[in-house]
Amino acid sequence: MIEKEDPIISEEEAAQYDRQIRLWGLDAQKRLRGSRVLLAGLGGLGAEVAKNLILAGVKGLTLLDHEQVSEESCRAQFLVPVSARGQNRAQASLERAQNLNPMVEVHADRDRIETKPDDFFLQFDAVCLTGCSRDLMVRLDQLCSQHGIKVFCGDVHGYYGYMFCNLGPEYHYVEEKPKLVKPSADSNDGPEAKKARVDPNETTMVKKTAAFCTLKEALEVDWTTEKAKAGLKRTPVDFFLLLVLLKFRTDKGRDPDPRRVAEDSRLLKQIRDDVLEASALSSELLGDDFISFCFSEMSPVCAVVGGVLGQEVVKALSQRDAPHRNFFFFDGRKGNGVVDFFGPN
């Protein structure tokens, strides 16, 4: 990893980030201002994440994407102009991304992420992966974890979206809590008055630690164990939908295509059966109704999941406030999100 420089907030930056400094403090903003992030995948979700990180004020953001701008990506991706069809998505997103906040160093990289050597990823404080294969995400998660680099993964499939984060086995952060005020020693108002009370006008910063499992551990839960069976009722069905969609991407090298609805619907159903059977789970756990709602990227879902994902990166880099552990799932049909934690074993 590159040596971290001591970030200094200039007067201009203090004015630019005044609201954020008031919200989470100067130290948190300085940590954020000294951080470099890699964002892989400039689809609709990637554009939302890029926007949120740039506006928050990271030091540098590298946009990595080898894909070309297509008609479909123009619908969900607001950083690329309509006239950019056929151009590289990272390069086409650069100008609008940079204009969001000139104080952030934004770079475009046209290479395939699979061709990057391990050393490339070690120059960043956080790596955010969208549109990547399961094997690649697992490999990079393991690599970055070994070097203390924070890892985030996410995708949007139609009405569904998810986010995963791995901040390491021992992640330290601070959380603002209402301050408990002890009664004075000479209080004579009875036993109730002698109890500590919450003062709504005062807060205190509490240091906390959280542990995260790796992506491999999260995705490879053995559902035949008693512990896993006991937690099955608390596990959102979206988790198993994610396994199906990741296997579809692995098997076909792409996501479900709205131009191939009939063919891909049959494949999704078969993969669903295979995934659940391999986990010794009933196919009834994930009904057929999911199939009609997981095609293409939908802008509103990208906005919601990108907002959560971007905010989790900001929280992790600033070390301020409690993070999600480890998954966040969103179902646009219900308009809600579910947070769940998958620990190792």
Protein backbone atom coordinates (compact mmCIF):
# COMPACT_ATOMS: atom_id res chain seq x y z
CA MET A 1 0.00 0.00 0.00
CA ILE A 2 1.07 3.56 -0.59
CA GLU A 3 2.15 5.57 2.41
CA LYS A 4 -0.73 7.62 3.78
CA GLU A 5 -0.17 11.34 3.81
CA ASP A 6 -1.51 13.53 6.58
CA PRO A 7 -4.55 15.22 4.99
CA ILE A 8 -4.91 18.94 5.48
CA ILE A 9 -8.24 20.69 4.98
CA SER A 10 -7.74 24.04 3.26
CA GLU A 11 -10.01 27.03 3.84
CA GLU A 12 -11.63 26.42 0.47
CA GLU A 13 -12.29 22.79 1.34
CA ALA A 14 -13.59 23.74 4.78
CA ALA A 15 -16.14 25.98 3.09
CA GLN A 16 -17.03 23.32 0.51
CA TYR A 17 -17.52 20.61 3.14
CA ASP A 18 -18.89 22.82 5.91
CA ARG A 19 -22.14 20.89 6.28
CA GLN A 20 -20.37 17.54 6.43
CA ILE A 21 -17.81 18.79 8.95
CA ARG A 22 -20.67 19.98 11.14
CA LEU A 23 -22.36 16.62 10.72
CA TRP A 24 -19.51 14.21 11.47
CA GLY A 25 -16.56 16.36 12.56
CA LEU A 26 -13.29 17.63 11.14
CA ASP A 27 -11.28 14.48 11.91
CA ALA A 28 -13.74 12.28 10.01
CA GLN A 29 -13.65 14.64 7.02
CA LYS A 30 -9.85 14.65 7.06
CA ARG A 31 -9.76 10.85 6.97
CA LEU A 32 -12.21 10.90 4.09
CA ARG A 33 -10.23 13.65 2.33
CA GLY A 34 -7.07 11.53 2.53
CA SER A 35 -8.62 8.40 0.99
CA ARG A 36 -8.36 6.98 -2.52
CA VAL A 37 -11.08 4.72 -3.88
CA LEU A 38 -11.30 2.37 -6.84
CA LEU A 39 -14.75 2.01 -8.40
CA ALA A 40 -15.07 -0.83 -10.91
CA GLY A 41 -18.09 -0.82 -13.21
CA LEU A 42 -19.72 2.36 -14.54
CA GLY A 43 -23.26 1.16 -15.07
CA GLY A 44 -26.25 2.81 -13.41
CA LEU A 45 -25.21 1.70 -9.94
CA GLY A 46 -21.59 2.71 -10.48
CA ALA A 47 -22.67 6.20 -11.56
CA GLU A 48 -24.68 6.65 -8.35
CA VAL A 49 -21.79 5.49 -6.19
CA ALA A 50 -19.33 7.73 -8.05
CA LYS A 51 -21.59 10.76 -7.54
CA ASN A 52 -21.92 10.13 -3.80
CA LEU A 53 -18.20 9.61 -3.23
CA ILE A 54 -17.19 12.66 -5.25
CA LEU A 55 -19.66 14.93 -3.47
CA ALA A 56 -18.56 13.57 -0.09
CA GLY A 57 -15.00 14.67 -0.85
CA VAL A 58 -12.63 11.71 -1.10
CA LYS A 59 -9.11 12.56 -2.24
CA GLY A 60 -9.18 10.50 -5.41
CA LEU A 61 -11.57 8.24 -7.31
CA THR A 62 -10.50 5.92 -10.13
CA LEU A 63 -13.26 4.82 -12.51
CA LEU A 64 -12.38 1.42 -13.98
CA ASP A 65 -14.45 0.00 -16.84
CA HIS A 66 -13.62 -1.57 -20.21
CA GLU A 67 -17.22 -1.67 -21.49
CA GLN A 68 -18.65 0.63 -24.14
CA VAL A 69 -21.63 2.93 -23.70
CA SER A 70 -24.75 1.20 -25.00
CA GLU A 71 -28.34 2.32 -25.53
CA GLU A 72 -29.37 0.45 -22.38
CA SER A 73 -26.61 1.95 -20.22
CA CYS A 74 -27.64 5.46 -21.29
CA ARG A 75 -31.03 4.91 -19.68
CA ALA A 76 -29.67 4.18 -16.20
CA GLN A 77 -26.33 6.00 -16.30
CA PHE A 78 -26.57 9.78 -15.90
CA LEU A 79 -22.82 10.50 -16.12
CA VAL A 80 -22.54 9.61 -19.81
CA PRO A 81 -23.99 11.94 -22.47
CA VAL A 82 -26.33 10.40 -25.03
CA SER A 83 -23.83 11.32 -27.75
CA ALA A 84 -21.21 9.05 -26.13
CA ARG A 85 -22.69 5.80 -27.40
CA GLY A 86 -19.91 3.44 -28.42
CA GLN A 87 -17.28 5.17 -26.29
CA ASN A 88 -15.61 3.68 -23.24
CA ARG A 89 -17.92 4.04 -20.21
CA ALA A 90 -15.23 5.17 -17.76
CA GLN A 91 -13.85 7.78 -20.14
CA ALA A 92 -17.32 8.98 -21.14
CA SER A 93 -18.25 9.42 -17.45
CA LEU A 94 -15.13 11.39 -16.56
CA GLU A 95 -16.13 14.94 -17.47
CA ARG A 96 -19.48 15.00 -15.70
CA ALA A 97 -18.02 13.17 -12.71
CA GLN A 98 -15.17 15.65 -12.36
CA ASN A 99 -17.55 18.61 -12.67
CA LEU A 100 -19.43 17.40 -9.59
CA ASN A 101 -16.49 18.41 -7.39
CA PRO A 102 -13.25 19.82 -8.87
CA MET A 103 -11.49 19.23 -5.52
CA VAL A 104 -11.57 15.46 -6.05
CA GLU A 105 -9.05 13.82 -8.37
CA VAL A 106 -11.11 11.68 -10.76
CA HIS A 107 -9.35 9.32 -13.18
CA ALA A 108 -10.66 7.01 -15.90
CA ASP A 109 -9.12 3.59 -16.57
CA ARG A 110 -10.20 1.65 -19.68
CA ASP A 111 -8.56 -1.67 -18.81
CA ARG A 112 -10.36 -4.89 -17.97
CA ILE A 113 -10.27 -5.40 -14.23
CA GLU A 114 -9.26 -9.04 -14.78
CA THR A 115 -5.98 -7.91 -16.39
CA LYS A 116 -4.89 -5.76 -13.44
CA PRO A 117 -1.99 -7.12 -11.33
CA ASP A 118 -2.42 -7.47 -7.58
CA ASP A 119 -0.23 -4.43 -6.90
CA PHE A 120 -2.71 -2.21 -8.73
CA PHE A 121 -5.36 -2.69 -6.03
CA LEU A 122 -2.96 -2.03 -3.15
CA GLN A 123 -2.75 1.70 -3.90
CA PHE A 124 -6.34 2.25 -2.74
CA ASP A 125 -7.94 2.58 0.69
CA ALA A 126 -11.21 1.08 -0.54
CA VAL A 127 -12.21 -1.01 -3.55
CA CYS A 128 -15.83 -1.00 -4.76
CA LEU A 129 -16.81 -3.69 -7.25
CA THR A 130 -19.94 -3.63 -9.43
CA GLY A 131 -20.75 -5.85 -12.37
CA CYS A 132 -17.98 -8.34 -11.49
CA SER A 133 -18.04 -12.12 -11.48
CA ARG A 134 -18.30 -14.06 -8.24
CA ASP A 135 -14.80 -15.54 -8.61
CA LEU A 136 -13.24 -12.14 -9.20
CA MET A 137 -15.01 -10.56 -6.23
CA VAL A 138 -13.95 -13.42 -3.96
CA ARG A 139 -10.33 -13.18 -5.13
CA LEU A 140 -10.10 -9.42 -4.72
CA ASP A 141 -11.86 -9.56 -1.37
CA GLN A 142 -9.24 -12.00 -0.09
CA LEU A 143 -6.38 -9.95 -1.56
CA CYS A 144 -7.58 -6.65 -0.14
CA SER A 145 -8.42 -8.14 3.25
CA GLN A 146 -4.85 -9.34 3.61
CA HIS A 147 -3.63 -5.76 3.13
CA GLY A 148 -6.21 -3.92 5.24
CA ILE A 149 -8.09 -2.49 2.25
CA LYS A 150 -11.85 -2.10 2.65
CA VAL A 151 -13.95 -4.01 0.11
CA PHE A 152 -17.44 -3.29 -1.16
CA CYS A 153 -19.49 -5.18 -3.74
CA GLY A 154 -22.88 -4.37 -5.22
CA ASP A 155 -25.22 -4.87 -8.15
CA VAL A 156 -28.71 -4.04 -9.36
CA HIS A 157 -30.86 -6.54 -11.24
CA GLY A 158 -34.21 -5.06 -12.18
CA TYR A 159 -36.16 -4.45 -8.97
CA TYR A 160 -33.47 -6.09 -6.82
CA GLY A 161 -30.20 -4.77 -5.49
CA TYR A 162 -27.61 -5.70 -2.91
CA MET A 163 -24.50 -4.45 -1.20
CA PHE A 164 -21.76 -6.39 0.60
CA CYS A 165 -18.92 -4.94 2.63
CA ASN A 166 -15.87 -6.39 4.32
CA LEU A 167 -14.04 -3.97 6.62
CA GLY A 168 -11.80 -6.61 8.16
CA PRO A 169 -11.84 -8.77 11.30
CA GLU A 170 -11.34 -5.75 13.57
CA TYR A 171 -12.80 -2.50 12.30
CA HIS A 172 -12.72 0.49 14.66
CA TYR A 173 -15.15 3.39 14.48
CA VAL A 174 -16.79 6.00 16.67
CA GLU A 175 -20.49 6.55 17.23
CA GLU A 176 -22.24 9.55 18.72
CA LYS A 177 -24.47 8.67 21.66
CA PRO A 178 -26.61 10.73 24.05
CA LYS A 179 -24.67 11.52 27.19
CA LEU A 180 -25.66 9.99 30.51
CA VAL A 181 -25.68 12.55 33.28
CA LYS A 182 -25.08 11.32 36.81
CA PRO A 183 -27.10 12.96 39.57
CA SER A 184 -25.35 15.16 42.10
CA ALA A 185 -24.26 13.50 45.32
CA ASP A 186 -26.45 15.76 47.46
CA SER A 187 -29.70 14.93 45.63
CA ASN A 188 -32.54 14.17 48.05
CA ASP A 189 -35.30 13.45 45.54
CA GLY A 190 -35.47 9.72 46.18
CA PRO A 191 -33.89 6.64 44.49
CA GLU A 192 -35.24 7.44 41.00
CA ALA A 193 -33.47 10.80 40.98
CA LYS A 194 -30.17 9.10 41.78
CA LYS A 195 -30.20 7.08 38.53
CA ALA A 196 -28.18 8.29 35.54
CA ARG A 197 -30.34 10.09 33.00
CA VAL A 198 -29.97 10.81 29.29
CA ASP A 199 -29.32 14.47 28.54
CA PRO A 200 -30.84 15.22 25.10
CA ASN A 201 -28.70 18.35 24.84
CA GLU A 202 -25.34 16.58 25.21
CA THR A 203 -23.68 13.75 23.32
CA THR A 204 -20.50 11.77 23.69
CA MET A 205 -18.35 9.85 21.20
CA VAL A 206 -18.16 6.12 21.89
CA LYS A 207 -15.39 3.98 20.39
CA LYS A 208 -16.58 0.65 19.01
CA THR A 209 -15.23 -2.37 17.14
CA ALA A 210 -16.97 -4.56 14.55
CA ALA A 211 -15.90 -7.84 12.93
CA PHE A 212 -16.58 -8.76 9.29
CA CYS A 213 -16.39 -12.07 7.47
CA THR A 214 -15.03 -12.48 3.97
CA LEU A 215 -17.22 -12.69 0.89
CA LYS A 216 -16.24 -16.32 0.40
CA GLU A 217 -17.41 -17.21 3.91
CA ALA A 218 -20.65 -15.29 3.42
CA LEU A 219 -21.52 -16.96 0.11
CA GLU A 220 -20.49 -20.48 1.13
CA VAL A 221 -22.58 -20.98 4.25
CA ASP A 222 -23.19 -24.68 4.90
CA TRP A 223 -26.96 -24.75 5.30
CA THR A 224 -26.90 -28.35 6.55
CA THR A 225 -25.38 -27.36 9.90
CA GLU A 226 -27.62 -26.82 12.91
CA LYS A 227 -26.43 -23.25 13.36
CA ALA A 228 -27.25 -22.37 9.75
CA LYS A 229 -30.64 -24.06 9.92
CA ALA A 230 -31.46 -22.06 13.05
CA GLY A 231 -30.64 -18.83 11.23
CA LEU A 232 -32.53 -19.71 8.04
CA LYS A 233 -35.74 -18.00 9.16
CA ARG A 234 -33.82 -14.77 9.73
CA THR A 235 -32.12 -14.97 6.34
CA PRO A 236 -33.84 -12.88 3.66
CA VAL A 237 -34.83 -14.74 0.51
CA ASP A 238 -32.87 -12.06 -1.36
CA PHE A 239 -29.67 -13.80 -0.26
CA PHE A 240 -30.57 -16.93 -2.23
CA LEU A 241 -31.68 -14.78 -5.16
CA LEU A 242 -28.19 -13.27 -5.12
CA LEU A 243 -26.65 -16.75 -5.32
CA VAL A 244 -28.83 -17.50 -8.34
CA LEU A 245 -27.90 -14.28 -10.14
CA LEU A 246 -24.19 -14.73 -9.44
CA LYS A 247 -24.29 -18.26 -10.83
CA PHE A 248 -26.16 -17.03 -13.91
CA ARG A 249 -23.37 -14.49 -14.48
CA THR A 250 -20.74 -17.20 -13.99
CA ASP A 251 -22.43 -19.67 -16.33
CA LYS A 252 -23.42 -17.25 -19.10
CA GLY A 253 -20.80 -14.50 -18.74
CA ARG A 254 -23.57 -11.89 -18.60
CA ASP A 255 -26.69 -10.90 -16.66
CA PRO A 256 -30.32 -11.74 -17.57
CA ASP A 257 -31.06 -9.94 -20.83
CA PRO A 258 -34.45 -8.28 -21.45
CA ARG A 259 -34.03 -9.17 -25.14
CA ARG A 260 -33.91 -12.86 -24.18
CA VAL A 261 -36.67 -13.01 -21.60
CA ALA A 262 -38.07 -16.42 -22.54
CA GLU A 263 -34.68 -18.13 -22.73
CA ASP A 264 -33.23 -16.48 -19.64
CA SER A 265 -36.37 -17.08 -17.58
CA ARG A 266 -35.99 -20.83 -18.14
CA LEU A 267 -32.30 -20.60 -17.21
CA LEU A 268 -33.04 -18.66 -14.03
CA LYS A 269 -35.55 -21.25 -12.92
CA GLN A 270 -33.12 -24.10 -13.56
CA ILE A 271 -30.27 -22.32 -11.79
CA ARG A 272 -32.60 -21.59 -8.87
CA ASP A 273 -33.36 -25.29 -8.55
CA ASP A 274 -29.67 -26.22 -8.79
CA VAL A 275 -28.53 -23.65 -6.23
CA LEU A 276 -31.13 -24.58 -3.63
CA GLU A 277 -30.69 -28.31 -4.20
CA ALA A 278 -26.92 -27.96 -3.69
CA SER A 279 -27.64 -26.24 -0.36
CA ALA A 280 -30.14 -28.98 0.63
CA LEU A 281 -32.95 -26.40 0.58
CA SER A 282 -36.42 -26.59 -0.95
CA SER A 283 -37.02 -24.87 -4.29
CA GLU A 284 -40.14 -23.39 -2.68
CA LEU A 285 -37.87 -21.09 -0.68
CA LEU A 286 -37.56 -18.88 -3.76
CA GLY A 287 -40.77 -18.85 -5.80
CA ASP A 288 -40.99 -18.39 -9.57
CA ASP A 289 -42.28 -14.82 -9.22
CA PHE A 290 -38.73 -13.43 -8.85
CA ILE A 291 -37.94 -14.20 -12.49
CA SER A 292 -40.02 -11.38 -13.99
CA PHE A 293 -38.34 -8.72 -11.88
CA CYS A 294 -34.59 -9.22 -12.31
CA PHE A 295 -33.92 -7.94 -15.85
CA SER A 296 -31.84 -4.83 -16.61
CA GLU A 297 -30.85 -1.94 -14.31
CA MET A 298 -33.65 0.32 -13.07
CA SER A 299 -32.67 3.90 -12.28
CA PRO A 300 -34.74 4.22 -9.06
CA VAL A 301 -33.23 1.01 -7.67
CA CYS A 302 -29.75 2.18 -8.65
CA ALA A 303 -30.39 5.41 -6.75
CA VAL A 304 -31.44 3.62 -3.56
CA VAL A 305 -28.72 0.95 -3.56
CA GLY A 306 -26.11 3.44 -4.76
CA GLY A 307 -27.06 5.79 -1.96
CA VAL A 308 -26.62 3.07 0.66
CA LEU A 309 -23.42 1.73 -0.91
CA GLY A 310 -21.87 5.17 -1.29
CA GLN A 311 -22.77 6.10 2.28
CA GLU A 312 -21.25 2.87 3.61
CA VAL A 313 -17.97 3.65 1.83
CA VAL A 314 -18.02 7.17 3.30
CA LYS A 315 -18.70 5.84 6.80
CA ALA A 316 -15.94 3.25 6.52
CA LEU A 317 -13.33 5.72 5.30
CA SER A 318 -14.25 8.37 7.86
CA GLN A 319 -14.58 5.73 10.62
CA ARG A 320 -17.74 7.45 11.75
CA ASP A 321 -21.02 5.69 12.67
CA ALA A 322 -22.00 2.04 12.72
CA PRO A 323 -21.58 0.16 9.41
CA HIS A 324 -23.83 -2.51 7.89
CA ARG A 325 -22.63 -6.06 8.57
CA ASN A 326 -22.23 -7.53 5.94
CA PHE A 327 -25.14 -7.43 3.47
CA PHE A 328 -27.79 -4.93 2.50
CA PHE A 329 -30.60 -6.18 0.23
CA PHE A 330 -33.22 -4.06 -1.52
CA ASP A 331 -36.46 -5.24 -3.13
CA GLY A 332 -38.02 -2.47 -5.21
CA ARG A 333 -41.35 -4.31 -5.34
CA LYS A 334 -41.71 -3.81 -1.60
CA GLY A 335 -39.78 -0.55 -1.41
CA ASN A 336 -37.69 -1.67 1.53
CA GLY A 337 -34.21 -2.82 2.41
CA VAL A 338 -33.04 -5.66 4.63
CA VAL A 339 -29.78 -5.76 6.52
CA ASP A 340 -28.36 -9.11 7.56
CA PHE A 341 -25.08 -10.49 8.85
CA PHE A 342 -23.37 -13.69 7.80
CA GLY A 343 -20.48 -14.58 10.08
CA PRO A 344 -17.97 -17.33 9.42
CA ASN A 345 -19.56 -20.55 10.62
